[in-house]
Amino acid sequence: VQLQASGGGLVQPGGSLRLSCAASGSILSNNAVGWYRQAPGKQRELVATVLNGGGTIYSDSVKGRFTISRDNAKNTVYLQMSSLKAEDTAVYYCNLVPKIFNYWGQGTKVTVSS
């Protein structure tokens, strides 16, 4: 199983993007799911989590700017990103929380630049 992230692209500082995470079956509906990101030269970090019950957790770096949500009917998890900054530039991945090594997909690249 691989979780497929999509929706990345080039956006100007202050802009918005919405990322989507899809997987086969009901794996996203039955587990806590997170969005992770890896900037060049840095370790991969968890920035947003949606829990089974719908609660959410954010890292300090994205709190107030990013919103994670899930649509169980579509077996999809979203990351709405607003007020984007240059330091948000990274490859974004989705995975379960805690992460499963074999579930990493290729990620989707987000570049914030003018």
Protein backbone atom coordinates (compact mmCIF):
# COMPACT_ATOMS: atom_id res chain seq x y z
CA VAL A 1 0.00 0.00 0.00
CA GLN A 2 1.24 3.50 -0.82
CA LEU A 3 -0.44 6.72 0.11
CA GLN A 4 -0.51 9.10 -2.84
CA ALA A 5 -0.17 12.82 -2.24
CA SER A 6 -1.13 15.33 -4.92
CA GLY A 7 -1.90 19.01 -5.40
CA GLY A 8 1.50 20.60 -5.00
CA GLY A 9 2.92 23.31 -7.20
CA LEU A 10 4.49 26.75 -7.32
CA VAL A 11 2.76 29.47 -5.32
CA GLN A 12 3.67 32.99 -4.28
CA PRO A 13 4.23 33.92 -0.64
CA GLY A 14 0.88 34.53 1.01
CA GLY A 15 -0.89 32.20 -1.39
CA SER A 16 -2.85 28.99 -0.81
CA LEU A 17 -2.81 25.38 -1.95
CA ARG A 18 -4.83 22.31 -1.11
CA LEU A 19 -3.13 18.94 -1.01
CA SER A 20 -4.94 15.61 -1.26
CA CYS A 21 -3.98 12.19 0.05
CA ALA A 22 -5.59 9.08 -1.39
CA ALA A 23 -5.23 5.38 -0.78
CA SER A 24 -6.99 2.19 -1.69
CA GLY A 25 -9.47 0.63 0.68
CA SER A 26 -10.50 2.20 3.96
CA ILE A 27 -7.05 2.67 5.43
CA LEU A 28 -7.38 6.43 5.67
CA SER A 29 -10.81 6.21 7.27
CA ASN A 30 -9.79 3.83 10.04
CA ASN A 31 -6.54 5.40 11.22
CA ALA A 32 -4.93 8.61 12.36
CA VAL A 33 -3.38 10.23 9.29
CA GLY A 34 -0.66 12.82 9.08
CA TRP A 35 0.91 15.20 6.62
CA TYR A 36 4.69 15.21 6.72
CA ARG A 37 7.13 17.41 4.86
CA GLN A 38 10.81 17.31 4.02
CA ALA A 39 12.63 20.46 3.04
CA PRO A 40 15.98 20.28 1.21
CA GLY A 41 18.73 19.27 3.60
CA LYS A 42 16.33 18.70 6.50
CA GLN A 43 14.68 15.72 8.14
CA ARG A 44 11.12 14.78 7.40
CA GLU A 45 8.75 16.29 9.95
CA LEU A 46 5.12 15.76 10.90
CA VAL A 47 3.16 18.99 10.52
CA ALA A 48 -0.51 18.01 10.82
CA THR A 49 -2.50 15.03 12.12
CA VAL A 50 -6.16 14.14 11.94
CA LEU A 51 -7.22 11.61 14.56
CA ASN A 52 -9.80 8.86 14.21
CA GLY A 53 -12.36 10.91 16.05
CA GLY A 54 -11.70 13.98 13.92
CA GLY A 55 -9.49 15.89 16.31
CA THR A 56 -6.48 17.66 14.83
CA ILE A 57 -2.93 18.43 15.92
CA TYR A 58 -0.54 20.88 14.29
CA SER A 59 3.10 21.72 14.62
CA ASP A 60 3.84 25.22 15.83
CA SER A 61 5.29 26.10 12.44
CA VAL A 62 1.94 25.69 10.64
CA LYS A 63 -0.63 26.26 13.37
CA GLY A 64 -3.20 28.83 12.33
CA ARG A 65 -2.25 28.58 8.64
CA PHE A 66 -2.83 24.92 7.71
CA THR A 67 -6.00 22.88 8.13
CA ILE A 68 -6.14 19.10 7.90
CA SER A 69 -9.43 17.35 7.20
CA ARG A 70 -10.75 14.02 6.06
CA ASP A 71 -13.61 12.84 3.84
CA ASN A 72 -14.28 9.25 4.82
CA ALA A 73 -16.77 8.75 2.00
CA LYS A 74 -14.01 9.53 -0.50
CA ASN A 75 -11.26 7.89 1.56
CA THR A 76 -9.26 11.09 1.21
CA VAL A 77 -7.38 13.39 3.57
CA TYR A 78 -6.74 17.02 2.70
CA LEU A 79 -4.30 19.71 3.77
CA GLN A 80 -5.48 23.25 3.14
CA MET A 81 -2.45 25.54 3.28
CA SER A 82 -2.86 29.31 3.53
CA SER A 83 -0.56 32.26 4.13
CA LEU A 84 2.25 30.22 2.66
CA LYS A 85 5.83 31.22 3.40
CA ALA A 86 9.11 30.46 1.69
CA GLU A 87 9.98 28.15 4.58
CA ASP A 88 6.98 25.96 3.70
CA THR A 89 8.83 24.88 0.55
CA ALA A 90 9.21 21.10 0.77
CA VAL A 91 8.04 17.78 -0.55
CA TYR A 92 4.83 16.90 1.28
CA TYR A 93 3.88 13.31 2.08
CA CYS A 94 0.99 11.65 3.83
CA ASN A 95 1.21 8.58 6.01
CA LEU A 96 -0.42 7.12 9.05
CA VAL A 97 0.44 8.29 12.53
CA PRO A 98 2.58 6.61 13.68
CA LYS A 99 4.08 6.26 10.22
CA ILE A 100 4.40 2.97 8.38
CA PHE A 101 7.60 2.67 6.33
CA ASN A 102 6.02 0.83 3.41
CA TYR A 103 3.23 3.38 3.05
CA TRP A 104 5.43 6.26 1.89
CA GLY A 105 4.49 7.47 -1.59
CA GLN A 106 6.44 9.85 -3.81
CA GLY A 107 5.04 12.97 -2.22
CA THR A 108 4.06 16.22 -3.86
CA LYS A 109 6.38 19.20 -4.17
CA VAL A 110 5.36 22.61 -2.88
CA THR A 111 7.46 25.60 -3.82
CA VAL A 112 6.72 29.00 -2.31
CA SER A 113 8.52 31.69 -4.23
CA SER A 114 7.93 35.01 -5.91
